[in-house]
Amino acid sequence: RSRVRRSSVPSLEDESVEVWDPRESFYDRALRLFQRLLCC
């Protein structure tokens, strides 16, 4: 558990927050966010 929590791999929290475009549809934004999440 400790290894997972303090992994040297950058988490979503460590990554720079992408520019949020209010015109982007929820589903496009959700897909983009989940791709980042799954990669992390």
PDB file of all heavy atoms in Angstrom:
ATOM      1  N   ARG A   1       0.839  -1.212   0.000  1.00  0.00           N
ATOM      2  CA  ARG A   1       0.000   0.000   0.000  1.00  0.00           C
ATOM      3  C   ARG A   1       0.870   1.258   0.000  1.00  0.00           C
ATOM      4  O   ARG A   1       0.595   2.211  -0.711  1.00  0.00           O
ATOM      5  CB  ARG A   1      -0.920   0.022   1.226  1.00  0.00           C
ATOM      6  CG  ARG A   1      -2.065  -0.943   1.147  1.00  0.00           C
ATOM      7  CD  ARG A   1      -3.059  -0.749   2.274  1.00  0.00           C
ATOM      8  NE  ARG A   1      -4.087  -1.762   2.231  1.00  0.00           N
ATOM      9  CZ  ARG A   1      -5.059  -1.818   1.339  1.00  0.00           C
ATOM     10  NH1 ARG A   1      -5.116  -0.922   0.398  1.00  0.00           N
ATOM     11  NH2 ARG A   1      -5.957  -2.770   1.363  1.00  0.00           N
ATOM     12  N   SER A   2       1.897   1.228   0.804  1.00  0.00           N
ATOM     13  CA  SER A   2       2.794   2.375   0.884  1.00  0.00           C
ATOM     14  C   SER A   2       3.485   2.615  -0.452  1.00  0.00           C
ATOM     15  O   SER A   2       3.631   3.758  -0.891  1.00  0.00           O
ATOM     16  CB  SER A   2       3.821   2.114   1.985  1.00  0.00           C
ATOM     17  OG  SER A   2       4.738   3.151   2.050  1.00  0.00           O
ATOM     18  N   ARG A   3       3.906   1.551  -1.118  1.00  0.00           N
ATOM     19  CA  ARG A   3       4.548   1.672  -2.431  1.00  0.00           C
ATOM     20  C   ARG A   3       3.604   2.299  -3.448  1.00  0.00           C
ATOM     21  O   ARG A   3       4.017   3.101  -4.280  1.00  0.00           O
ATOM     22  CB  ARG A   3       4.997   0.308  -2.947  1.00  0.00           C
ATOM     23  CG  ARG A   3       6.153  -0.252  -2.214  1.00  0.00           C
ATOM     24  CD  ARG A   3       7.416   0.230  -2.841  1.00  0.00           C
ATOM     25  NE  ARG A   3       8.530  -0.094  -1.958  1.00  0.00           N
ATOM     26  CZ  ARG A   3       9.755   0.227  -2.205  1.00  0.00           C
ATOM     27  NH1 ARG A   3      10.056   0.874  -3.302  1.00  0.00           N
ATOM     28  NH2 ARG A   3      10.700  -0.080  -1.366  1.00  0.00           N
ATOM     29  N   VAL A   4       2.350   1.906  -3.394  1.00  0.00           N
ATOM     30  CA  VAL A   4       1.369   2.466  -4.334  1.00  0.00           C
ATOM     31  C   VAL A   4       1.143   3.938  -4.030  1.00  0.00           C
ATOM     32  O   VAL A   4       1.123   4.775  -4.931  1.00  0.00           O
ATOM     33  CB  VAL A   4       0.033   1.686  -4.278  1.00  0.00           C
ATOM     34  CG1 VAL A   4      -1.054   2.406  -5.051  1.00  0.00           C
ATOM     35  CG2 VAL A   4       0.229   0.277  -4.832  1.00  0.00           C
ATOM     36  N   ARG A   5       1.018   4.263  -2.754  1.00  0.00           N
ATOM     37  CA  ARG A   5       0.718   5.654  -2.373  1.00  0.00           C
ATOM     38  C   ARG A   5       1.888   6.600  -2.617  1.00  0.00           C
ATOM     39  O   ARG A   5       1.699   7.741  -3.001  1.00  0.00           O
ATOM     40  CB  ARG A   5       0.313   5.714  -0.908  1.00  0.00           C
ATOM     41  CG  ARG A   5      -1.054   5.133  -0.687  1.00  0.00           C
ATOM     42  CD  ARG A   5      -1.555   5.431   0.708  1.00  0.00           C
ATOM     43  NE  ARG A   5      -2.826   4.789   0.907  1.00  0.00           N
ATOM     44  CZ  ARG A   5      -3.038   3.854   1.825  1.00  0.00           C
ATOM     45  NH1 ARG A   5      -2.076   3.488   2.646  1.00  0.00           N
ATOM     46  NH2 ARG A   5      -4.221   3.302   1.940  1.00  0.00           N
ATOM     47  N   ARG A   6       3.110   6.135  -2.354  1.00  0.00           N
ATOM     48  CA  ARG A   6       4.254   7.028  -2.507  1.00  0.00           C
ATOM     49  C   ARG A   6       5.126   6.617  -3.687  1.00  0.00           C
ATOM     50  O   ARG A   6       6.338   6.723  -3.656  1.00  0.00           O
ATOM     51  CB  ARG A   6       5.068   7.093  -1.214  1.00  0.00           C
ATOM     52  CG  ARG A   6       5.655   5.794  -0.769  1.00  0.00           C
ATOM     53  CD  ARG A   6       6.466   5.972   0.521  1.00  0.00           C
ATOM     54  NE  ARG A   6       6.796   4.696   1.102  1.00  0.00           N
ATOM     55  CZ  ARG A   6       7.789   3.917   0.720  1.00  0.00           C
ATOM     56  NH1 ARG A   6       8.559   4.272  -0.258  1.00  0.00           N
ATOM     57  NH2 ARG A   6       8.015   2.764   1.313  1.00  0.00           N
ATOM     58  N   SER A   7       4.479   6.195  -4.736  1.00  0.00           N
ATOM     59  CA  SER A   7       5.189   5.778  -5.946  1.00  0.00           C
ATOM     60  C   SER A   7       5.989   6.946  -6.520  1.00  0.00           C
ATOM     61  O   SER A   7       5.593   8.102  -6.436  1.00  0.00           O
ATOM     62  CB  SER A   7       4.171   5.292  -6.974  1.00  0.00           C
ATOM     63  OG  SER A   7       4.800   5.051  -8.209  1.00  0.00           O
ATOM     64  N   SER A   8       7.116   6.598  -7.116  1.00  0.00           N
ATOM     65  CA  SER A   8       7.940   7.630  -7.760  1.00  0.00           C
ATOM     66  C   SER A   8       7.338   8.060  -9.090  1.00  0.00           C
ATOM     67  O   SER A   8       7.771   9.036  -9.684  1.00  0.00           O
ATOM     68  CB  SER A   8       9.358   7.100  -7.971  1.00  0.00           C
ATOM     69  OG  SER A   8       9.320   5.965  -8.809  1.00  0.00           O
ATOM     70  N   VAL A   9       6.333   7.318  -9.533  1.00  0.00           N
ATOM     71  CA  VAL A   9       5.650   7.661 -10.780  1.00  0.00           C
ATOM     72  C   VAL A   9       4.739   8.854 -10.522  1.00  0.00           C
ATOM     73  O   VAL A   9       4.013   8.884  -9.523  1.00  0.00           O
ATOM     74  CB  VAL A   9       4.821   6.455 -11.282  1.00  0.00           C
ATOM     75  CG1 VAL A   9       3.988   6.824 -12.486  1.00  0.00           C
ATOM     76  CG2 VAL A   9       5.733   5.285 -11.592  1.00  0.00           C
ATOM     77  N   PRO A  10       4.768   9.845 -11.392  1.00  0.00           N
ATOM     78  CA  PRO A  10       3.888  11.005 -11.183  1.00  0.00           C
ATOM     79  C   PRO A  10       2.420  10.583 -11.173  1.00  0.00           C
ATOM     80  O   PRO A  10       1.995   9.777 -11.996  1.00  0.00           O
ATOM     81  CB  PRO A  10       4.176  11.910 -12.381  1.00  0.00           C
ATOM     82  CG  PRO A  10       5.403  11.380 -13.022  1.00  0.00           C
ATOM     83  CD  PRO A  10       5.568   9.961 -12.592  1.00  0.00           C
ATOM     84  N   SER A  11       1.687  11.138 -10.246  1.00  0.00           N
ATOM     85  CA  SER A  11       0.247  10.868 -10.199  1.00  0.00           C
ATOM     86  C   SER A  11      -0.476  12.030 -10.865  1.00  0.00           C
ATOM     87  O   SER A  11       0.147  12.989 -11.317  1.00  0.00           O
ATOM     88  CB  SER A  11      -0.217  10.712  -8.754  1.00  0.00           C
ATOM     89  OG  SER A  11      -0.146  11.951  -8.093  1.00  0.00           O
ATOM     90  N   LEU A  12      -1.769  11.937 -10.882  1.00  0.00           N
ATOM     91  CA  LEU A  12      -2.562  13.031 -11.462  1.00  0.00           C
ATOM     92  C   LEU A  12      -2.301  14.337 -10.737  1.00  0.00           C
ATOM     93  O   LEU A  12      -2.290  15.397 -11.329  1.00  0.00           O
ATOM     94  CB  LEU A  12      -4.050  12.693 -11.392  1.00  0.00           C
ATOM     95  CG  LEU A  12      -4.537  11.617 -12.358  1.00  0.00           C
ATOM     96  CD1 LEU A  12      -5.993  11.307 -12.066  1.00  0.00           C
ATOM     97  CD2 LEU A  12      -4.357  12.048 -13.789  1.00  0.00           C
ATOM     98  N   GLU A  13      -2.062  14.233  -9.451  1.00  0.00           N
ATOM     99  CA  GLU A  13      -1.837  15.425  -8.629  1.00  0.00           C
ATOM    100  C   GLU A  13      -0.532  16.128  -9.030  1.00  0.00           C
ATOM    101  O   GLU A  13      -0.426  17.338  -8.973  1.00  0.00           O
ATOM    102  CB  GLU A  13      -1.765  14.998  -7.163  1.00  0.00           C
ATOM    103  CG  GLU A  13      -1.797  16.126  -6.197  1.00  0.00           C
ATOM    104  CD  GLU A  13      -1.931  15.606  -4.775  1.00  0.00           C
ATOM    105  OE1 GLU A  13      -1.525  14.472  -4.486  1.00  0.00           O
ATOM    106  OE2 GLU A  13      -2.460  16.365  -3.951  1.00  0.00           O
ATOM    107  N   ASP A  14       0.452  15.331  -9.458  1.00  0.00           N
ATOM    108  CA  ASP A  14       1.751  15.881  -9.810  1.00  0.00           C
ATOM    109  C   ASP A  14       1.779  16.490 -11.206  1.00  0.00           C
ATOM    110  O   ASP A  14       2.628  17.322 -11.498  1.00  0.00           O
ATOM    111  CB  ASP A  14       2.829  14.793  -9.751  1.00  0.00           C
ATOM    112  CG  ASP A  14       2.921  14.179  -8.372  1.00  0.00           C
ATOM    113  OD1 ASP A  14       2.687  14.904  -7.391  1.00  0.00           O
ATOM    114  OD2 ASP A  14       3.219  12.973  -8.284  1.00  0.00           O
ATOM    115  N   GLU A  15       0.881  16.024 -12.054  1.00  0.00           N
ATOM    116  CA  GLU A  15       0.887  16.508 -13.428  1.00  0.00           C
ATOM    117  C   GLU A  15       0.331  17.927 -13.502  1.00  0.00           C
ATOM    118  O   GLU A  15      -0.515  18.315 -12.710  1.00  0.00           O
ATOM    119  CB  GLU A  15       0.031  15.589 -14.316  1.00  0.00           C
ATOM    120  CG  GLU A  15       0.654  14.246 -14.541  1.00  0.00           C
ATOM    121  CD  GLU A  15      -0.128  13.436 -15.549  1.00  0.00           C
ATOM    122  OE1 GLU A  15      -1.125  13.931 -16.104  1.00  0.00           O
ATOM    123  OE2 GLU A  15       0.276  12.292 -15.796  1.00  0.00           O
ATOM    124  N   SER A  16       0.811  18.635 -14.478  1.00  0.00           N
ATOM    125  CA  SER A  16       0.277  19.981 -14.663  1.00  0.00           C
ATOM    126  C   SER A  16      -1.172  19.868 -15.134  1.00  0.00           C
ATOM    127  O   SER A  16      -1.507  19.009 -15.939  1.00  0.00           O
ATOM    128  CB  SER A  16       1.103  20.749 -15.694  1.00  0.00           C
ATOM    129  OG  SER A  16       1.059  20.088 -16.943  1.00  0.00           O
ATOM    130  N   VAL A  17      -1.989  20.719 -14.606  1.00  0.00           N
ATOM    131  CA  VAL A  17      -3.409  20.689 -14.948  1.00  0.00           C
ATOM    132  C   VAL A  17      -3.588  21.284 -16.338  1.00  0.00           C
ATOM    133  O   VAL A  17      -3.086  22.356 -16.636  1.00  0.00           O
ATOM    134  CB  VAL A  17      -4.230  21.477 -13.905  1.00  0.00           C
ATOM    135  CG1 VAL A  17      -5.693  21.478 -14.261  1.00  0.00           C
ATOM    136  CG2 VAL A  17      -3.987  20.907 -12.523  1.00  0.00           C
ATOM    137  N   GLU A  18      -4.278  20.512 -17.166  1.00  0.00           N
ATOM    138  CA  GLU A  18      -4.508  20.987 -18.519  1.00  0.00           C
ATOM    139  C   GLU A  18      -5.523  22.122 -18.517  1.00  0.00           C
ATOM    140  O   GLU A  18      -6.330  22.260 -17.610  1.00  0.00           O
ATOM    141  CB  GLU A  18      -5.030  19.828 -19.381  1.00  0.00           C
ATOM    142  CG  GLU A  18      -4.027  18.696 -19.490  1.00  0.00           C
ATOM    143  CD  GLU A  18      -4.601  17.501 -20.239  1.00  0.00           C
ATOM    144  OE1 GLU A  18      -5.679  17.625 -20.858  1.00  0.00           O
ATOM    145  OE2 GLU A  18      -3.971  16.441 -20.196  1.00  0.00           O
ATOM    146  N   VAL A  19      -5.462  22.900 -19.552  1.00  0.00           N
ATOM    147  CA  VAL A  19      -6.404  24.012 -19.680  1.00  0.00           C
ATOM    148  C   VAL A  19      -7.801  23.439 -19.851  1.00  0.00           C
ATOM    149  O   VAL A  19      -8.037  22.546 -20.662  1.00  0.00           O
ATOM    150  CB  VAL A  19      -6.022  24.899 -20.888  1.00  0.00           C
ATOM    151  CG1 VAL A  19      -7.040  25.988 -21.085  1.00  0.00           C
ATOM    152  CG2 VAL A  19      -4.627  25.460 -20.701  1.00  0.00           C
ATOM    153  N   TRP A  20      -8.696  23.953 -19.064  1.00  0.00           N
ATOM    154  CA  TRP A  20     -10.074  23.481 -19.083  1.00  0.00           C
ATOM    155  C   TRP A  20     -10.869  24.346 -20.039  1.00  0.00           C
ATOM    156  O   TRP A  20     -10.965  25.563 -19.861  1.00  0.00           O
ATOM    157  CB  TRP A  20     -10.635  23.560 -17.665  1.00  0.00           C
ATOM    158  CG  TRP A  20     -11.959  22.903 -17.487  1.00  0.00           C
ATOM    159  CD1 TRP A  20     -12.248  21.586 -17.652  1.00  0.00           C
ATOM    160  CD2 TRP A  20     -13.168  23.528 -17.072  1.00  0.00           C
ATOM    161  NE1 TRP A  20     -13.548  21.348 -17.365  1.00  0.00           N
ATOM    162  CE2 TRP A  20     -14.146  22.537 -17.003  1.00  0.00           C
ATOM    163  CE3 TRP A  20     -13.516  24.829 -16.746  1.00  0.00           C
ATOM    164  CZ2 TRP A  20     -15.444  22.794 -16.633  1.00  0.00           C
ATOM    165  CZ3 TRP A  20     -14.823  25.078 -16.371  1.00  0.00           C
ATOM    166  CH2 TRP A  20     -15.765  24.074 -16.323  1.00  0.00           C
ATOM    167  N   ASP A  21     -11.408  23.726 -21.060  1.00  0.00           N
ATOM    168  CA  ASP A  21     -12.181  24.444 -22.073  1.00  0.00           C
ATOM    169  C   ASP A  21     -13.669  24.219 -21.794  1.00  0.00           C
ATOM    170  O   ASP A  21     -14.162  23.100 -21.935  1.00  0.00           O
ATOM    171  CB  ASP A  21     -11.809  23.921 -23.467  1.00  0.00           C
ATOM    172  CG  ASP A  21     -12.504  24.683 -24.582  1.00  0.00           C
ATOM    173  OD1 ASP A  21     -13.302  25.599 -24.279  1.00  0.00           O
ATOM    174  OD2 ASP A  21     -12.245  24.354 -25.747  1.00  0.00           O
ATOM    175  N   PRO A  22     -14.393  25.262 -21.397  1.00  0.00           N
ATOM    176  CA  PRO A  22     -15.810  25.090 -21.076  1.00  0.00           C
ATOM    177  C   PRO A  22     -16.639  24.666 -22.294  1.00  0.00           C
ATOM    178  O   PRO A  22     -17.732  24.133 -22.137  1.00  0.00           O
ATOM    179  CB  PRO A  22     -16.266  26.459 -20.572  1.00  0.00           C
ATOM    180  CG  PRO A  22     -15.110  27.366 -20.689  1.00  0.00           C
ATOM    181  CD  PRO A  22     -13.926  26.610 -21.166  1.00  0.00           C
ATOM    182  N   ARG A  23     -16.114  24.847 -23.492  1.00  0.00           N
ATOM    183  CA  ARG A  23     -16.857  24.436 -24.696  1.00  0.00           C
ATOM    184  C   ARG A  23     -16.703  22.944 -24.968  1.00  0.00           C
ATOM    185  O   ARG A  23     -17.466  22.379 -25.736  1.00  0.00           O
ATOM    186  CB  ARG A  23     -16.360  25.221 -25.916  1.00  0.00           C
ATOM    187  CG  ARG A  23     -16.641  26.725 -25.813  1.00  0.00           C
ATOM    188  CD  ARG A  23     -15.971  27.454 -26.929  1.00  0.00           C
ATOM    189  NE  ARG A  23     -14.518  27.284 -26.721  1.00  0.00           N
ATOM    190  CZ  ARG A  23     -13.586  27.567 -27.603  1.00  0.00           C
ATOM    191  NH1 ARG A  23     -13.898  28.033 -28.770  1.00  0.00           N
ATOM    192  NH2 ARG A  23     -12.309  27.389 -27.325  1.00  0.00           N
ATOM    193  N   GLU A  24     -15.723  22.329 -24.329  1.00  0.00           N
ATOM    194  CA  GLU A  24     -15.502  20.899 -24.533  1.00  0.00           C
ATOM    195  C   GLU A  24     -16.668  20.119 -23.930  1.00  0.00           C
ATOM    196  O   GLU A  24     -17.125  20.413 -22.816  1.00  0.00           O
ATOM    197  CB  GLU A  24     -14.184  20.506 -23.845  1.00  0.00           C
ATOM    198  CG  GLU A  24     -13.803  19.065 -24.012  1.00  0.00           C
ATOM    199  CD  GLU A  24     -12.487  18.737 -23.322  1.00  0.00           C
ATOM    200  OE1 GLU A  24     -12.203  19.307 -22.247  1.00  0.00           O
ATOM    201  OE2 GLU A  24     -11.744  17.911 -23.858  1.00  0.00           O
ATOM    202  N   SER A  25     -17.160  19.140 -24.654  1.00  0.00           N
ATOM    203  CA  SER A  25     -18.281  18.359 -24.134  1.00  0.00           C
ATOM    204  C   SER A  25     -17.819  17.547 -22.925  1.00  0.00           C
ATOM    205  O   SER A  25     -16.631  17.242 -22.776  1.00  0.00           O
ATOM    206  CB  SER A  25     -18.824  17.414 -25.208  1.00  0.00           C
ATOM    207  OG  SER A  25     -17.970  16.301 -25.370  1.00  0.00           O
ATOM    208  N   PHE A  26     -18.778  17.223 -22.084  1.00  0.00           N
ATOM    209  CA  PHE A  26     -18.466  16.446 -20.897  1.00  0.00           C
ATOM    210  C   PHE A  26     -17.805  15.132 -21.284  1.00  0.00           C
ATOM    211  O   PHE A  26     -16.828  14.706 -20.660  1.00  0.00           O
ATOM    212  CB  PHE A  26     -19.724  16.172 -20.070  1.00  0.00           C
ATOM    213  CG  PHE A  26     -19.481  15.157 -18.996  1.00  0.00           C
ATOM    214  CD1 PHE A  26     -18.815  15.522 -17.834  1.00  0.00           C
ATOM    215  CD2 PHE A  26     -19.874  13.841 -19.148  1.00  0.00           C
ATOM    216  CE1 PHE A  26     -18.557  14.587 -16.853  1.00  0.00           C
ATOM    217  CE2 PHE A  26     -19.619  12.905 -18.169  1.00  0.00           C
ATOM    218  CZ  PHE A  26     -18.968  13.277 -17.014  1.00  0.00           C
ATOM    219  N   TYR A  27     -18.308  14.470 -22.295  1.00  0.00           N
ATOM    220  CA  TYR A  27     -17.793  13.160 -22.680  1.00  0.00           C
ATOM    221  C   TYR A  27     -16.377  13.254 -23.240  1.00  0.00           C
ATOM    222  O   TYR A  27     -15.540  12.394 -22.967  1.00  0.00           O
ATOM    223  CB  TYR A  27     -18.738  12.489 -23.677  1.00  0.00           C
ATOM    224  CG  TYR A  27     -20.072  12.200 -23.039  1.00  0.00           C
ATOM    225  CD1 TYR A  27     -21.195  12.970 -23.335  1.00  0.00           C
ATOM    226  CD2 TYR A  27     -20.208  11.191 -22.087  1.00  0.00           C
ATOM    227  CE1 TYR A  27     -22.406  12.724 -22.725  1.00  0.00           C
ATOM    228  CE2 TYR A  27     -21.416  10.942 -21.464  1.00  0.00           C
ATOM    229  CZ  TYR A  27     -22.514  11.716 -21.785  1.00  0.00           C
ATOM    230  OH  TYR A  27     -23.705  11.459 -21.173  1.00  0.00           O
ATOM    231  N   ASP A  28     -16.082  14.297 -23.985  1.00  0.00           N
ATOM    232  CA  ASP A  28     -14.713  14.485 -24.479  1.00  0.00           C
ATOM    233  C   ASP A  28     -13.764  14.747 -23.315  1.00  0.00           C
ATOM    234  O   ASP A  28     -12.663  14.211 -23.255  1.00  0.00           O
ATOM    235  CB  ASP A  28     -14.642  15.642 -25.481  1.00  0.00           C
ATOM    236  CG  ASP A  28     -15.298  15.321 -26.811  1.00  0.00           C
ATOM    237  OD1 ASP A  28     -15.443  14.112 -27.125  1.00  0.00           O
ATOM    238  OD2 ASP A  28     -15.679  16.266 -27.533  1.00  0.00           O
ATOM    239  N   ARG A  29     -14.205  15.583 -22.385  1.00  0.00           N
ATOM    240  CA  ARG A  29     -13.392  15.902 -21.221  1.00  0.00           C
ATOM    241  C   ARG A  29     -13.210  14.651 -20.346  1.00  0.00           C
ATOM    242  O   ARG A  29     -12.098  14.360 -19.887  1.00  0.00           O
ATOM    243  CB  ARG A  29     -14.030  17.033 -20.421  1.00  0.00           C
ATOM    244  CG  ARG A  29     -13.148  17.554 -19.308  1.00  0.00           C
ATOM    245  CD  ARG A  29     -13.696  18.814 -18.667  1.00  0.00           C
ATOM    246  NE  ARG A  29     -14.962  18.633 -18.005  1.00  0.00           N
ATOM    247  CZ  ARG A  29     -16.146  19.077 -18.452  1.00  0.00           C
ATOM    248  NH1 ARG A  29     -16.227  19.777 -19.560  1.00  0.00           N
ATOM    249  NH2 ARG A  29     -17.259  18.848 -17.776  1.00  0.00           N
ATOM    250  N   ALA A  30     -14.290  13.912 -20.145  1.00  0.00           N
ATOM    251  CA  ALA A  30     -14.212  12.698 -19.328  1.00  0.00           C
ATOM    252  C   ALA A  30     -13.260  11.690 -19.970  1.00  0.00           C
ATOM    253  O   ALA A  30     -12.435  11.081 -19.276  1.00  0.00           O
ATOM    254  CB  ALA A  30     -15.597  12.082 -19.154  1.00  0.00           C
ATOM    255  N   LEU A  31     -13.339  11.536 -21.273  1.00  0.00           N
ATOM    256  CA  LEU A  31     -12.436  10.622 -21.970  1.00  0.00           C
ATOM    257  C   LEU A  31     -10.985  11.051 -21.780  1.00  0.00           C
ATOM    258  O   LEU A  31     -10.109  10.237 -21.464  1.00  0.00           O
ATOM    259  CB  LEU A  31     -12.784  10.558 -23.465  1.00  0.00           C
ATOM    260  CG  LEU A  31     -11.872   9.686 -24.320  1.00  0.00           C
ATOM    261  CD1 LEU A  31     -11.905   8.238 -23.853  1.00  0.00           C
ATOM    262  CD2 LEU A  31     -12.267   9.796 -25.784  1.00  0.00           C
ATOM    263  N   ARG A  32     -10.716  12.324 -21.941  1.00  0.00           N
ATOM    264  CA  ARG A  32      -9.361  12.852 -21.784  1.00  0.00           C
ATOM    265  C   ARG A  32      -8.862  12.629 -20.353  1.00  0.00           C
ATOM    266  O   ARG A  32      -7.733  12.187 -20.124  1.00  0.00           O
ATOM    267  CB  ARG A  32      -9.335  14.339 -22.141  1.00  0.00           C
ATOM    268  CG  ARG A  32      -7.974  14.985 -22.040  1.00  0.00           C
ATOM    269  CD  ARG A  32      -7.975  16.416 -22.563  1.00  0.00           C
ATOM    270  NE  ARG A  32      -9.091  17.246 -22.149  1.00  0.00           N
ATOM    271  CZ  ARG A  32      -9.165  17.862 -20.960  1.00  0.00           C
ATOM    272  NH1 ARG A  32      -8.203  17.728 -20.087  1.00  0.00           N
ATOM    273  NH2 ARG A  32     -10.200  18.624 -20.669  1.00  0.00           N
ATOM    274  N   LEU A  33      -9.720  12.917 -19.374  1.00  0.00           N
ATOM    275  CA  LEU A  33      -9.337  12.744 -17.974  1.00  0.00           C
ATOM    276  C   LEU A  33      -9.090  11.268 -17.631  1.00  0.00           C
ATOM    277  O   LEU A  33      -8.129  10.939 -16.929  1.00  0.00           O
ATOM    278  CB  LEU A  33     -10.406  13.325 -17.056  1.00  0.00           C
ATOM    279  CG  LEU A  33     -10.580  14.843 -17.106  1.00  0.00           C
ATOM    280  CD1 LEU A  33     -11.781  15.272 -16.279  1.00  0.00           C
ATOM    281  CD2 LEU A  33      -9.328  15.544 -16.641  1.00  0.00           C
ATOM    282  N   PHE A  34      -9.956  10.392 -18.123  1.00  0.00           N
ATOM    283  CA  PHE A  34      -9.788   8.972 -17.835  1.00  0.00           C
ATOM    284  C   PHE A  34      -8.553   8.401 -18.527  1.00  0.00           C
ATOM    285  O   PHE A  34      -7.887   7.526 -17.980  1.00  0.00           O
ATOM    286  CB  PHE A  34     -11.036   8.175 -18.198  1.00  0.00           C
ATOM    287  CG  PHE A  34     -12.099   8.272 -17.139  1.00  0.00           C
ATOM    288  CD1 PHE A  34     -13.279   8.937 -17.392  1.00  0.00           C
ATOM    289  CD2 PHE A  34     -11.909   7.718 -15.881  1.00  0.00           C
ATOM    290  CE1 PHE A  34     -14.253   9.054 -16.412  1.00  0.00           C
ATOM    291  CE2 PHE A  34     -12.868   7.831 -14.905  1.00  0.00           C
ATOM    292  CZ  PHE A  34     -14.044   8.490 -15.165  1.00  0.00           C
ATOM    293  N   GLN A  35      -8.218   8.908 -19.690  1.00  0.00           N
ATOM    294  CA  GLN A  35      -6.992   8.467 -20.352  1.00  0.00           C
ATOM    295  C   GLN A  35      -5.780   8.849 -19.505  1.00  0.00           C
ATOM    296  O   GLN A  35      -4.854   8.052 -19.345  1.00  0.00           O
ATOM    297  CB  GLN A  35      -6.895   9.049 -21.762  1.00  0.00           C
ATOM    298  CG  GLN A  35      -7.832   8.381 -22.744  1.00  0.00           C
ATOM    299  CD  GLN A  35      -7.867   9.072 -24.100  1.00  0.00           C
ATOM    300  OE1 GLN A  35      -7.616  10.266 -24.211  1.00  0.00           O
ATOM    301  NE2 GLN A  35      -8.206   8.307 -25.135  1.00  0.00           N
ATOM    302  N   ARG A  36      -5.781  10.073 -18.967  1.00  0.00           N
ATOM    303  CA  ARG A  36      -4.699  10.493 -18.075  1.00  0.00           C
ATOM    304  C   ARG A  36      -4.659   9.617 -16.827  1.00  0.00           C
ATOM    305  O   ARG A  36      -3.594   9.185 -16.387  1.00  0.00           O
ATOM    306  CB  ARG A  36      -4.882  11.951 -17.649  1.00  0.00           C
ATOM    307  CG  ARG A  36      -4.381  12.950 -18.642  1.00  0.00           C
ATOM    308  CD  ARG A  36      -4.547  14.392 -18.175  1.00  0.00           C
ATOM    309  NE  ARG A  36      -4.155  14.617 -16.796  1.00  0.00           N
ATOM    310  CZ  ARG A  36      -4.803  15.429 -15.967  1.00  0.00           C
ATOM    311  NH1 ARG A  36      -5.861  16.101 -16.370  1.00  0.00           N
ATOM    312  NH2 ARG A  36      -4.382  15.601 -14.733  1.00  0.00           N
ATOM    313  N   LEU A  37      -5.834   9.369 -16.262  1.00  0.00           N
ATOM    314  CA  LEU A  37      -5.924   8.559 -15.058  1.00  0.00           C
ATOM    315  C   LEU A  37      -5.382   7.152 -15.321  1.00  0.00           C
ATOM    316  O   LEU A  37      -4.563   6.638 -14.552  1.00  0.00           O
ATOM    317  CB  LEU A  37      -7.373   8.482 -14.565  1.00  0.00           C
ATOM    318  CG  LEU A  37      -7.655   7.504 -13.426  1.00  0.00           C
ATOM    319  CD1 LEU A  37      -6.917   7.915 -12.168  1.00  0.00           C
ATOM    320  CD2 LEU A  37      -9.153   7.417 -13.173  1.00  0.00           C
ATOM    321  N   LEU A  38      -5.810   6.531 -16.393  1.00  0.00           N
ATOM    322  CA  LEU A  38      -5.370   5.178 -16.700  1.00  0.00           C
ATOM    323  C   LEU A  38      -3.877   5.118 -16.975  1.00  0.00           C
ATOM    324  O   LEU A  38      -3.206   4.167 -16.578  1.00  0.00           O
ATOM    325  CB  LEU A  38      -6.167   4.614 -17.876  1.00  0.00           C
ATOM    326  CG  LEU A  38      -7.648   4.366 -17.584  1.00  0.00           C
ATOM    327  CD1 LEU A  38      -8.370   3.919 -18.840  1.00  0.00           C
ATOM    328  CD2 LEU A  38      -7.819   3.345 -16.464  1.00  0.00           C
ATOM    329  N   CYS A  39      -3.349   6.133 -17.632  1.00  0.00           N
ATOM    330  CA  CYS A  39      -1.908   6.192 -17.889  1.00  0.00           C
ATOM    331  C   CYS A  39      -1.140   6.273 -16.574  1.00  0.00           C
ATOM    332  O   CYS A  39      -0.149   5.556 -16.377  1.00  0.00           O
ATOM    333  CB  CYS A  39      -1.601   7.387 -18.786  1.00  0.00           C
ATOM    334  SG  CYS A  39       0.127   7.494 -19.246  1.00  0.00           S
ATOM    335  N   CYS A  40      -1.590   7.110 -15.658  1.00  0.00           N
ATOM    336  CA  CYS A  40      -0.943   7.223 -14.343  1.00  0.00           C
ATOM    337  C   CYS A  40      -1.027   5.911 -13.574  1.00  0.00           C
ATOM    338  O   CYS A  40      -0.039   5.457 -12.983  1.00  0.00           O
ATOM    339  CB  CYS A  40      -1.573   8.339 -13.524  1.00  0.00           C
ATOM    340  SG  CYS A  40      -1.149   9.990 -14.096  1.00  0.00           S
TER     341      CYS A  40
END
